[in-house]
Protein backbone atom coordinates (compact mmCIF):
# COMPACT_ATOMS: atom_id res chain seq x y z
CA UNK A 1 14.72 -97.14 123.72
CA UNK A 2 16.55 -98.68 121.00
CA UNK A 3 16.06 -97.82 117.34
CA UNK A 4 13.34 -99.99 116.80
CA UNK A 5 14.30 -100.16 112.96
CA UNK A 6 17.30 -102.22 113.52
CA UNK A 7 15.59 -104.69 114.80
CA UNK A 8 15.55 -107.98 113.11
CA UNK A 9 12.15 -108.73 111.88
CA UNK A 10 11.87 -111.88 114.14
CA UNK A 11 12.73 -109.16 116.94
CA UNK A 12 10.66 -106.96 116.25
CA UNK A 13 7.65 -109.47 115.88
CA UNK A 14 9.05 -110.19 119.84
CA UNK A 15 8.99 -106.97 120.82
CA UNK A 16 5.44 -106.57 119.59
CA UNK A 17 4.26 -109.63 121.31
CA UNK A 18 5.82 -108.93 124.70
CA UNK A 19 4.31 -105.23 124.36
CA UNK A 20 7.85 -103.74 124.57
CA UNK A 21 6.59 -101.47 122.16
CA UNK A 22 3.32 -100.61 119.63
CA UNK A 23 2.89 -101.25 115.69
CA UNK A 24 2.42 -97.41 115.70
CA UNK A 25 5.61 -96.64 117.47
CA UNK A 26 7.66 -99.39 115.19
CA UNK A 27 5.77 -98.20 111.80
CA UNK A 28 6.26 -94.61 112.68
CA UNK A 29 10.12 -95.17 113.25
CA UNK A 30 10.35 -96.58 109.50
CA UNK A 31 8.44 -93.83 108.20
CA UNK A 32 10.68 -91.53 109.63
CA UNK A 33 13.93 -93.62 108.46
CA UNK A 34 12.16 -93.19 104.94
CA UNK A 35 11.42 -89.45 105.51
CA UNK A 36 15.19 -89.25 106.08
CA UNK A 37 17.14 -90.97 103.80
CA UNK A 38 14.71 -91.41 100.46
CA UNK A 39 15.88 -88.33 99.07
CA UNK A 40 19.37 -89.63 99.49
CA UNK A 41 19.14 -93.43 97.91
CA UNK A 42 15.94 -93.50 95.82
CA UNK A 43 14.72 -96.84 97.19
CA UNK A 44 11.02 -95.85 97.65
CA UNK A 45 8.88 -94.84 94.21
CA UNK A 46 5.75 -94.47 96.60
CA UNK A 47 5.42 -94.09 100.53
CA UNK A 48 1.96 -94.94 101.63
CA UNK A 49 1.84 -93.60 105.22
CA UNK A 50 -1.37 -93.20 105.99
CA UNK A 51 -2.60 -96.63 104.78
CA UNK A 52 0.76 -97.56 107.31
CA UNK A 53 -0.57 -96.08 110.48
CA UNK A 54 -4.46 -97.52 109.42
CA UNK A 55 -2.68 -101.26 108.82
CA UNK A 56 -0.25 -100.42 112.57
CA UNK A 57 -3.47 -99.60 114.02
CA UNK A 58 -5.83 -102.43 113.31
CA UNK A 59 -2.27 -104.74 114.26
CA UNK A 60 -2.22 -103.00 117.88
CA UNK A 61 -5.77 -103.33 118.33
CA UNK A 62 -5.05 -107.46 117.73
CA UNK A 63 -2.40 -107.93 120.01
CA UNK A 64 -3.64 -105.82 122.62
CA UNK A 65 -6.37 -109.02 122.31
CA UNK A 66 -3.06 -111.59 122.45
CA UNK A 67 -4.68 -112.52 118.78
CA UNK A 68 -2.46 -111.19 114.90
CA UNK A 69 -1.12 -113.34 112.43
CA UNK A 70 2.72 -114.63 112.11
CA UNK A 71 3.41 -110.92 110.88
CA UNK A 72 1.47 -108.67 112.83
CA UNK A 73 2.60 -104.96 113.02
CA UNK A 74 5.63 -105.71 110.77
CA UNK A 75 6.36 -102.92 108.69
CA UNK A 76 7.49 -104.37 104.57
CA UNK A 77 8.00 -102.54 101.71
CA UNK A 78 6.36 -103.97 98.16
CA UNK A 79 8.52 -103.91 94.98
CA UNK A 80 6.55 -102.00 92.21
CA UNK A 81 6.23 -104.86 90.41
CA UNK A 82 3.71 -106.33 92.83
CA UNK A 83 -0.37 -104.78 92.32
CA UNK A 84 -1.89 -103.42 95.22
CA UNK A 85 -4.91 -102.23 95.42
CA UNK A 86 -5.78 -98.15 95.20
CA UNK A 87 -1.61 -97.80 95.69
CA UNK A 88 1.05 -96.44 92.53
CA UNK A 89 2.24 -100.17 90.56
CA UNK A 90 4.02 -99.34 87.59
CA UNK A 91 6.72 -101.33 87.16
CA UNK A 92 8.97 -98.81 87.54
CA UNK A 93 7.75 -97.74 84.11
CA UNK A 94 6.83 -94.57 82.50
CA UNK A 95 3.97 -96.76 80.38
CA UNK A 96 1.73 -97.60 83.38
CA UNK A 97 1.77 -93.73 84.22
CA UNK A 98 -0.79 -93.22 86.90
CA UNK A 99 -1.78 -97.38 86.93
CA UNK A 100 -3.33 -97.89 90.55
CA UNK A 101 -4.83 -101.46 90.11
CA UNK A 102 -8.63 -102.34 91.01
CA UNK A 103 -7.18 -106.01 92.60
CA UNK A 104 -4.58 -107.12 95.23
CA UNK A 105 -1.77 -109.67 94.30
CA UNK A 106 -2.07 -112.97 95.88
CA UNK A 107 1.56 -112.55 97.78
CA UNK A 108 0.84 -108.81 99.29
CA UNK A 109 -2.56 -110.38 100.31
CA UNK A 110 -0.97 -113.49 101.84
CA UNK A 111 1.11 -110.11 103.86
CA UNK A 112 -1.44 -108.50 104.84
CA UNK A 113 -3.36 -111.55 105.83
CA UNK A 114 -0.66 -112.55 108.55
CA UNK A 115 -0.82 -109.08 109.96
CA UNK A 116 1.97 -106.94 108.09
CA UNK A 117 1.92 -103.40 107.36
CA UNK A 118 2.70 -101.72 103.80
CA UNK A 119 5.17 -99.00 104.18
CA UNK A 120 5.35 -98.48 100.59
CA UNK A 121 6.26 -99.50 96.58
CA UNK A 122 9.99 -100.12 96.41
CA UNK A 123 11.86 -98.52 93.03
CA UNK A 124 13.05 -101.71 90.91
CA UNK A 125 14.25 -101.81 86.94
CA UNK A 126 12.08 -101.28 84.71
CA UNK A 127 9.97 -104.72 84.44
CA UNK A 128 12.41 -105.87 86.01
CA UNK A 129 14.94 -105.77 83.06
CA UNK A 130 18.46 -104.81 85.11
CA UNK A 131 21.06 -106.02 86.86
CA UNK A 132 21.98 -102.43 88.62
CA UNK A 133 18.63 -101.17 89.25
CA UNK A 134 19.51 -98.11 86.72
CA UNK A 135 16.67 -98.61 84.27
CA UNK A 136 14.09 -97.09 86.35
CA UNK A 137 11.69 -94.25 84.99
CA UNK A 138 12.50 -93.00 88.29
CA UNK A 139 15.91 -93.36 88.24
CA UNK A 140 18.42 -95.61 89.68
CA UNK A 141 18.54 -96.60 93.08
CA UNK A 142 21.48 -95.80 95.39
CA UNK A 143 23.43 -98.50 97.54
CA UNK A 144 23.54 -97.65 100.98
CA UNK A 145 27.22 -98.93 100.41
CA UNK A 146 29.86 -97.13 99.88
CA UNK A 147 33.69 -97.91 98.80
CA UNK A 148 36.35 -96.91 101.79
CA UNK A 149 37.65 -94.00 101.31
CA UNK A 150 35.30 -93.79 98.61
CA UNK A 151 31.94 -90.73 98.10
CA UNK A 152 31.04 -92.75 94.85
CA UNK A 153 28.18 -93.61 94.43
CA UNK A 154 27.11 -97.56 93.77
CA UNK A 155 24.63 -99.68 92.86
CA UNK A 156 22.63 -101.80 95.02
CA UNK A 157 22.09 -104.88 91.80
CA UNK A 158 19.00 -105.40 90.21
CA UNK A 159 16.13 -105.37 89.42
CA UNK A 160 14.74 -105.45 92.93
CA UNK A 161 17.30 -102.92 94.10
CA UNK A 162 14.94 -100.75 95.97
CA UNK A 163 13.82 -103.80 98.24
CA UNK A 164 17.86 -104.78 98.72
CA UNK A 165 18.43 -101.35 99.60
CA UNK A 166 15.58 -99.99 101.71
CA UNK A 167 16.35 -103.38 104.10
CA UNK A 168 20.27 -102.75 104.36
CA UNK A 169 19.51 -99.49 105.46
CA UNK A 170 16.70 -100.24 108.08
CA UNK A 171 13.89 -98.60 106.04
CA UNK A 172 11.48 -101.78 106.05
CA UNK A 173 12.03 -105.27 108.42
CA UNK A 174 11.98 -107.01 105.03
CA UNK A 175 10.35 -106.29 101.27
CA UNK A 176 9.09 -108.40 98.86
CA UNK A 177 10.95 -108.85 95.86
CA UNK A 178 10.83 -110.81 92.03
CA UNK A 179 13.53 -113.47 91.01
CA UNK A 180 13.48 -113.86 86.70
CA UNK A 181 17.68 -114.59 86.02
CA UNK A 182 19.04 -113.43 89.72
CA UNK A 183 16.96 -110.34 90.89
CA UNK A 184 16.75 -111.32 94.26
CA UNK A 185 20.26 -112.86 95.10
CA UNK A 186 22.41 -110.31 93.02
CA UNK A 187 20.99 -107.64 94.58
CA UNK A 188 21.41 -109.22 98.19
CA UNK A 189 24.70 -110.57 97.95
CA UNK A 190 25.68 -106.52 96.92
CA UNK A 191 24.09 -105.47 99.73
CA UNK A 192 24.77 -107.40 102.74
CA UNK A 193 20.86 -108.85 103.15
CA UNK A 194 19.65 -112.76 102.66
CA UNK A 195 17.76 -112.95 98.85
CA UNK A 196 15.72 -115.75 98.54
CA UNK A 197 14.70 -117.57 95.38
CA UNK A 198 11.50 -119.92 95.78
CA UNK A 199 11.13 -123.23 93.61
CA UNK A 200 9.12 -121.73 90.71
CA UNK A 201 5.40 -122.13 91.05
CA UNK A 202 5.68 -121.82 95.35
CA UNK A 203 4.81 -118.59 95.82
CA UNK A 204 1.80 -117.07 93.24
CA UNK A 205 2.67 -114.50 89.81
CA UNK A 206 -0.98 -113.66 90.08
CA UNK A 207 -1.15 -109.58 90.34
CA UNK A 208 2.53 -109.22 89.54
CA UNK A 209 3.42 -107.64 86.44
CA UNK A 210 5.30 -109.97 84.01
CA UNK A 211 8.23 -109.66 82.51
CA UNK A 212 9.01 -113.91 81.57
CA UNK A 213 6.52 -116.05 82.44
CA UNK A 214 7.97 -118.93 82.85
CA UNK A 215 11.08 -117.91 84.89
CA UNK A 216 9.38 -115.49 86.93
CA UNK A 217 9.39 -116.20 90.64
CA UNK A 218 8.56 -113.98 94.04
CA UNK A 219 10.46 -114.27 96.76
CA UNK A 220 11.95 -112.20 99.96
CA UNK A 221 15.05 -109.89 100.84
CA UNK A 222 15.50 -109.71 104.57
CA UNK A 223 18.20 -109.38 106.95
CA UNK A 224 18.72 -112.31 108.53
CA UNK A 225 18.28 -116.17 107.06
CA UNK A 226 15.23 -116.26 109.90
CA UNK A 227 13.27 -113.05 108.76
CA UNK A 228 14.02 -113.95 104.90
CA UNK A 229 12.20 -117.74 106.04
CA UNK A 230 9.47 -115.73 108.16
CA UNK A 231 8.75 -113.86 105.17
CA UNK A 232 8.51 -116.81 102.56
CA UNK A 233 6.11 -118.67 104.80
CA UNK A 234 3.52 -116.04 104.54
CA UNK A 235 4.38 -115.44 101.26
CA UNK A 236 4.10 -119.03 100.02
CA UNK A 237 0.95 -121.24 99.47
CA UNK A 238 -1.06 -122.65 96.91
CA UNK A 239 -3.39 -120.22 94.29
CA UNK A 240 -5.76 -121.57 92.11
CA UNK A 241 -5.17 -117.91 90.55
CA UNK A 242 -2.25 -118.81 89.22
CA UNK A 243 -2.33 -121.82 86.89
CA UNK A 244 1.72 -121.93 87.63
CA UNK A 245 0.92 -122.34 91.32
CA UNK A 246 1.79 -125.56 92.75
CA UNK A 247 -0.61 -127.45 95.26
CA UNK A 248 2.19 -128.73 97.78
CA UNK A 249 2.12 -127.51 101.83
CA UNK A 250 3.94 -125.01 103.12
CA UNK A 251 6.51 -125.81 105.59
CA UNK A 252 7.06 -123.95 108.36
CA UNK A 253 10.45 -122.57 107.02
CA UNK A 254 11.81 -120.70 110.20
CA UNK A 255 11.63 -123.88 111.92
CA UNK A 256 13.75 -125.04 109.65
CA UNK A 257 16.60 -122.13 110.25
CA UNK A 258 18.65 -124.14 112.88
CA UNK A 259 18.54 -127.50 111.73
CA UNK A 260 22.26 -127.46 110.57
CA UNK A 261 24.04 -129.50 108.05
CA UNK A 262 25.10 -132.19 109.34
CA UNK A 263 25.35 -135.30 107.20
CA UNK A 264 24.57 -133.21 104.16
CA UNK A 265 26.23 -133.51 100.62
CA UNK A 266 27.44 -130.05 98.86
CA UNK A 267 28.24 -129.83 95.77
CA UNK A 268 30.62 -128.14 94.16
CA UNK A 269 29.94 -127.01 90.03
CA UNK A 270 33.73 -126.97 88.35
CA UNK A 271 31.99 -125.05 85.32
CA UNK A 272 31.34 -121.85 87.83
CA UNK A 273 35.29 -121.42 88.26
CA UNK A 274 35.10 -118.49 85.36
CA UNK A 275 37.96 -117.54 83.46
CA UNK A 276 38.61 -113.86 85.46
CA UNK A 277 37.16 -114.61 88.56
CA UNK A 278 38.22 -112.44 90.60
CA UNK A 279 40.41 -114.29 93.74
CA UNK A 280 38.51 -112.30 96.96
CA UNK A 281 35.55 -114.45 95.39
CA UNK A 282 37.10 -117.85 94.69
CA UNK A 283 38.81 -117.70 98.51
CA UNK A 284 35.07 -116.81 99.65
CA UNK A 285 33.83 -119.65 97.81
CA UNK A 286 36.36 -121.95 100.01
CA UNK A 287 35.77 -120.34 102.97
CA UNK A 288 32.31 -121.06 102.61
CA UNK A 289 33.06 -124.71 101.80
CA UNK A 290 34.86 -125.27 105.08
CA UNK A 291 32.53 -123.52 107.23
CA UNK A 292 29.63 -126.49 105.77
CA UNK A 293 32.21 -128.92 106.50
CA UNK A 294 33.05 -127.66 109.84
CA UNK A 295 29.51 -128.17 110.62
CA UNK A 296 29.25 -131.94 109.30
CA UNK A 297 28.73 -131.42 105.40
CA UNK A 298 30.53 -133.46 102.82
CA UNK A 299 31.33 -131.59 99.87
CA UNK A 300 31.55 -133.30 96.79
CA UNK A 301 32.92 -131.89 93.02
CA UNK A 302 30.15 -131.91 90.65
CA UNK A 303 29.49 -131.25 87.33
CA UNK A 304 26.78 -128.84 85.58
CA UNK A 305 28.56 -129.08 81.74
CA UNK A 306 25.61 -126.99 80.15
CA UNK A 307 26.33 -123.98 82.63
CA UNK A 308 28.45 -122.19 80.03
CA UNK A 309 24.93 -122.25 77.56
CA UNK A 310 22.58 -120.96 80.08
CA UNK A 311 23.16 -117.19 79.83
CA UNK A 312 22.81 -116.66 76.06
CA UNK A 313 19.58 -119.49 76.68
CA UNK A 314 18.33 -117.27 79.02
CA UNK A 315 18.47 -114.46 76.69
CA UNK A 316 16.65 -115.61 74.43
CA UNK A 317 13.70 -117.15 76.62
CA UNK A 318 13.31 -114.39 78.87
CA UNK A 319 13.13 -111.58 75.80
CA UNK A 320 11.02 -113.47 73.88
CA UNK A 321 8.25 -114.12 76.75
CA UNK A 322 8.82 -110.50 77.66
CA UNK A 323 7.42 -109.08 74.22
CA UNK A 324 4.64 -110.78 74.02
CA UNK A 325 3.87 -110.06 77.52
CA UNK A 326 4.52 -106.56 77.23
CA UNK A 327 2.50 -106.17 73.78
CA UNK A 328 -0.53 -105.36 75.99
CA UNK A 329 0.69 -102.12 76.65
CA UNK A 330 -0.25 -100.20 74.09
CA UNK A 331 -2.55 -96.93 75.81
CA UNK A 332 -6.01 -97.98 74.86
CA UNK A 333 -7.13 -99.00 78.30
CA UNK A 334 -4.76 -97.60 81.10
CA UNK A 335 -1.29 -96.01 81.37
CA UNK A 336 0.28 -93.70 79.22
CA UNK A 337 -1.24 -92.38 76.41
CA UNK A 338 0.31 -90.25 73.14
CA UNK A 339 -2.85 -89.06 71.05
CA UNK A 340 -1.51 -90.05 66.98
CA UNK A 341 -2.99 -89.52 63.47
CA UNK A 342 -4.66 -93.38 63.36
CA UNK A 343 -4.58 -96.54 66.22
CA UNK A 344 -1.66 -97.20 64.84
CA UNK A 345 0.31 -94.16 64.93
CA UNK A 346 -1.13 -94.35 68.85
CA UNK A 347 0.59 -97.94 69.70
CA UNK A 348 3.92 -96.59 68.65
CA UNK A 349 4.04 -93.57 69.92
CA UNK A 350 2.92 -94.63 73.41
CA UNK A 351 5.12 -97.22 73.19
CA UNK A 352 8.07 -95.42 72.25
CA UNK A 353 7.80 -92.48 75.04
CA UNK A 354 6.80 -95.03 77.02
CA UNK A 355 9.06 -97.62 77.50
CA UNK A 356 13.12 -97.00 78.51
CA UNK A 357 16.12 -98.35 76.44
CA UNK A 358 16.78 -101.28 77.82
CA UNK A 359 12.85 -102.42 77.64
CA UNK A 360 12.94 -101.64 74.17
CA UNK A 361 16.28 -103.75 73.70
CA UNK A 362 14.55 -107.04 75.17
CA UNK A 363 11.05 -106.73 73.40
CA UNK A 364 13.20 -106.44 69.82
CA UNK A 365 15.53 -109.14 70.98
CA UNK A 366 12.48 -111.09 71.87
CA UNK A 367 10.49 -109.98 69.20
CA UNK A 368 13.53 -111.39 66.38
CA UNK A 369 13.77 -114.45 68.03
CA UNK A 370 10.37 -115.28 67.67
CA UNK A 371 9.87 -114.33 64.19
CA UNK A 372 9.48 -116.59 61.19
CA UNK A 373 12.84 -118.50 60.18
CA UNK A 374 14.41 -117.43 62.91
CA UNK A 375 11.84 -118.96 65.96
CA UNK A 376 13.49 -122.48 65.63
CA UNK A 377 17.68 -121.11 65.10
CA UNK A 378 16.69 -119.72 68.41
CA UNK A 379 13.96 -119.97 70.92
CA UNK A 380 13.58 -123.85 70.09
CA UNK A 381 17.11 -124.22 70.62
CA UNK A 382 16.98 -122.36 73.76
CA UNK A 383 14.27 -124.28 75.28
CA UNK A 384 15.91 -127.44 74.23
CA UNK A 385 19.44 -126.20 76.54
CA UNK A 386 17.10 -125.02 79.27
CA UNK A 387 16.13 -128.98 79.21
CA UNK A 388 19.91 -129.76 79.29
CA UNK A 389 20.61 -127.42 82.37
CA UNK A 390 17.44 -128.82 84.16
CA UNK A 391 19.12 -132.45 83.72
CA UNK A 392 22.29 -131.25 84.44
CA UNK A 393 20.75 -130.51 88.03
CA UNK A 394 18.74 -133.55 88.26
CA UNK A 395 21.92 -136.11 87.85
CA UNK A 396 23.70 -133.86 90.73
CA UNK A 397 20.77 -134.74 92.65
CA UNK A 398 20.11 -137.99 92.28
CA UNK A 399 23.37 -138.33 92.93
CA UNK A 400 22.94 -137.77 96.37
CA UNK A 401 23.96 -134.21 96.08
CA UNK A 402 21.72 -132.24 98.49
CA UNK A 403 22.35 -128.35 97.87
CA UNK A 404 25.19 -126.87 95.53
CA UNK A 405 27.31 -124.04 96.97
CA UNK A 406 28.78 -121.34 94.36
CA UNK A 407 29.61 -117.24 94.59
CA UNK A 408 26.23 -115.18 94.20
CA UNK A 409 27.58 -112.69 91.88
CA UNK A 410 31.05 -112.16 89.76
CA UNK A 411 31.56 -108.93 91.81
CA UNK A 412 30.83 -106.47 94.44
CA UNK A 413 28.71 -103.79 93.35
CA UNK A 414 30.00 -101.24 90.75
CA UNK A 415 29.55 -97.18 89.84
CA UNK A 416 26.56 -95.96 88.77
CA UNK A 417 27.16 -95.08 85.63
CA UNK A 418 29.82 -97.92 84.99
CA UNK A 419 30.88 -96.38 81.68
CA UNK A 420 32.15 -100.04 80.78
CA UNK A 421 28.62 -101.50 81.42
CA UNK A 422 26.93 -98.93 79.68
CA UNK A 423 28.38 -99.16 76.55
CA UNK A 424 28.32 -103.30 76.66
CA UNK A 425 25.16 -104.11 77.58
CA UNK A 426 26.14 -108.33 77.54
CA UNK A 427 28.66 -107.00 80.08
CA UNK A 428 26.23 -106.22 82.31
CA UNK A 429 24.14 -109.60 81.33
CA UNK A 430 27.25 -111.36 83.09
CA UNK A 431 26.03 -110.22 86.46
CA UNK A 432 23.71 -113.03 86.23
CA UNK A 433 26.19 -115.49 85.15
CA UNK A 434 25.85 -117.56 88.38
CA UNK A 435 22.00 -116.61 88.67
CA UNK A 436 20.02 -117.58 85.70
CA UNK A 437 20.75 -120.80 85.43
CA UNK A 438 18.60 -121.52 89.14
CA UNK A 439 15.49 -119.95 86.60
CA UNK A 440 16.20 -121.96 83.99
CA UNK A 441 15.45 -124.91 85.95
CA UNK A 442 12.81 -123.39 88.54
CA UNK A 443 15.17 -124.30 91.80
CA UNK A 444 14.80 -122.83 94.76
CA UNK A 445 18.62 -120.60 95.39
CA UNK A 446 19.57 -118.13 98.12
CA UNK A 447 22.04 -115.71 98.56
CA UNK A 448 23.66 -115.18 102.21
CA UNK A 449 25.81 -112.39 103.08
CA UNK A 450 29.06 -114.05 103.68
CA UNK A 451 32.31 -111.60 103.65
CA UNK A 452 34.00 -108.35 102.16
CA UNK A 453 36.27 -106.95 99.57
CA UNK A 454 38.95 -105.25 100.12
CA UNK A 455 37.20 -102.30 100.02
CA UNK A 456 34.99 -103.28 102.59
CA UNK A 457 31.52 -103.97 99.79
CA UNK A 458 29.53 -106.88 100.87
CA UNK A 459 30.36 -110.43 99.09
CA UNK A 460 27.50 -113.31 99.48
CA UNK A 461 27.46 -116.89 98.13
CA UNK A 462 24.64 -118.98 96.78
CA UNK A 463 23.31 -121.60 97.94
CA UNK A 464 21.21 -124.37 95.23
CA UNK A 465 18.88 -126.66 96.48
CA UNK A 466 16.15 -129.54 95.00
CA UNK A 467 12.81 -128.46 93.92
CA UNK A 468 10.83 -127.38 96.90
CA UNK A 469 13.37 -127.95 99.31
CA UNK A 470 13.86 -124.28 100.67
CA UNK A 471 14.14 -125.67 104.21
CA UNK A 472 17.79 -127.31 103.50
CA UNK A 473 18.82 -124.21 101.71
CA UNK A 474 17.47 -121.95 104.98
CA UNK A 475 19.61 -124.64 107.59
CA UNK A 476 22.16 -124.47 105.18
CA UNK A 477 21.95 -120.41 104.67
CA UNK A 478 21.99 -120.15 108.32
CA UNK A 479 25.82 -121.92 109.33
CA UNK A 480 27.17 -119.46 106.61
CA UNK A 481 25.60 -116.69 108.59
CA UNK A 482 26.84 -117.49 111.21
CA UNK A 483 30.14 -118.27 110.61
CA UNK A 484 30.09 -115.61 108.63
CA UNK A 485 29.63 -113.89 112.01
CA UNK A 486 30.27 -110.22 110.62
CA UNK A 487 28.55 -107.07 110.54
CA UNK A 488 27.00 -106.90 106.93
CA UNK A 489 25.37 -103.32 107.67
CA UNK A 490 26.35 -100.41 106.32
CA UNK A 491 28.13 -97.31 107.60
CA UNK A 492 25.03 -94.35 107.16
CA UNK A 493 26.35 -91.87 105.67
CA UNK A 494 22.42 -90.29 104.38
C-alpha cells in the first residue's frame, strides 16, 4: 500500500470514499508518523490517539453507509490556540498550565461536523507572538527542511510553526492556524506549504485564544492549494457568538481552484521592492508575474504609499490589544497560580512566572502606548495609519486590480537561535514586513510555494485579494503552484 500520509488531503478523501482504505488505517498511519517524528520536530504539544481512533471509527461507519461530510475521516492537526473540549489548550504558554476547556471553538466544531479527525494540538509561538516558533513554552519547533550540506536546525516560521512543520513533514493531512500579522503565510512560505489567511470575519474567532482581536483570523495550512480550499470551506461561516463574524455565504472554494486567471489584473506594488532584498526573492517575484501573464493575466504597477508605516503601526496596535486581552490571565480562575502574600502579589508572581519574555515585552509595549499621555501620540496615530493603509488597497482595487502579487517573506528559513535576531527584536519583527499590511486592512492573503533558494530551501509568493474574494486567490495560487511544479517536500532526516 502507498504511504497513506503522503497523499494529498483531496486524494485521501477520494480514497476513503472509494473504500481503498479506511479512516482508521489513515489515522493509524499518521499517529505512527507522529510517534516517529515528533521527538525530532516538536510539532505537536499534545497527541490524542484514543480520541483520533474513536473519531476515525465513527467516520468509517458513515463511509460504509455512503454518508459522511466533506472532510469525513481526514486527520488534521489543531493549533494550540483553538479551544478543544477536554483537551490541552494552552496557547503554548505556561500561564495556562493544565487548562482543558469545557467548550469547543467554532472553527474546530465546523471541522468535526464535516467529519475531520483530530490528531492532537500543534506547537506555536506563545500566545501567537513570534515569527520563528521559538517563544513556545514547549520549546522551538524544528523545520523539516535543512539547508543542503548542513545539519543545522532551522525555524519553520511562526507563530503557526507547528502547523506548518506538521503539514510539511506528513504528520497531518492539513492543519488549522491563525494569522495576526503573517502567522499563517510566513511559516507556510518557509516550509513549502500553502497558507491561506482569510478576510477578517470569514472564520469565527469564538473559542480561539485572543492575541489582537481586530487582527486575528483563523485559516488553513495545507500541502496544496486545493487542500487549503477544502479545509477553508469547512472552517468558514457566520457565527452569532462572534460579533466580528460576517454573515455572508461560504462559497465552494475548491470549485474556484481551477478557474484560472485569464482576464485578471495583477497589481505589483512598487513599495514592496525593499532595499537589501535578496536577488533570489526579486527573481522569483518576477517569475511569478511571468507565470500569471502566460495564463492570460495582465500585470499593472501600483502604489501602496503607506506600506512603510505598516510595521511600526502594527507593532503599536497588536501589543495594545494584547495587553488588554492578556490581562485576564491572573492565576485566579484557571491555569498557573503562584501563591503570594496577598492577591496583588499573587497576580504579579503568577504573571512573572507564567508569561515568556516575548509576551512580557509586548504586554509592556502595549500598556505603554495605551497609557495616559501616550494614547494619542501612539495608539490613535497608529489607528489613523491603519485607515490609510486600508484606503491604499481600496484605491488599487477600485482602479481595476483583481489581486496583488508580492514576496511572502524577506528571506528563507533561518537558524534556530540565530544570534542576530535573538539580540534584536526589531530584526525579528521585520520577518512580517510583507504580511502585516494584509491584517491591518482586513484582507485575504495566500502564500504559495514557488521556488527554492541556492541551498534548496523553499520560497513562497503571496497573493493579496479583495475582501471576501478568496476564490480569486485560490485560482491565482493554483496557477503559480502548477507553474512552479516543484517538489516542495522535505528530504526526510528525522
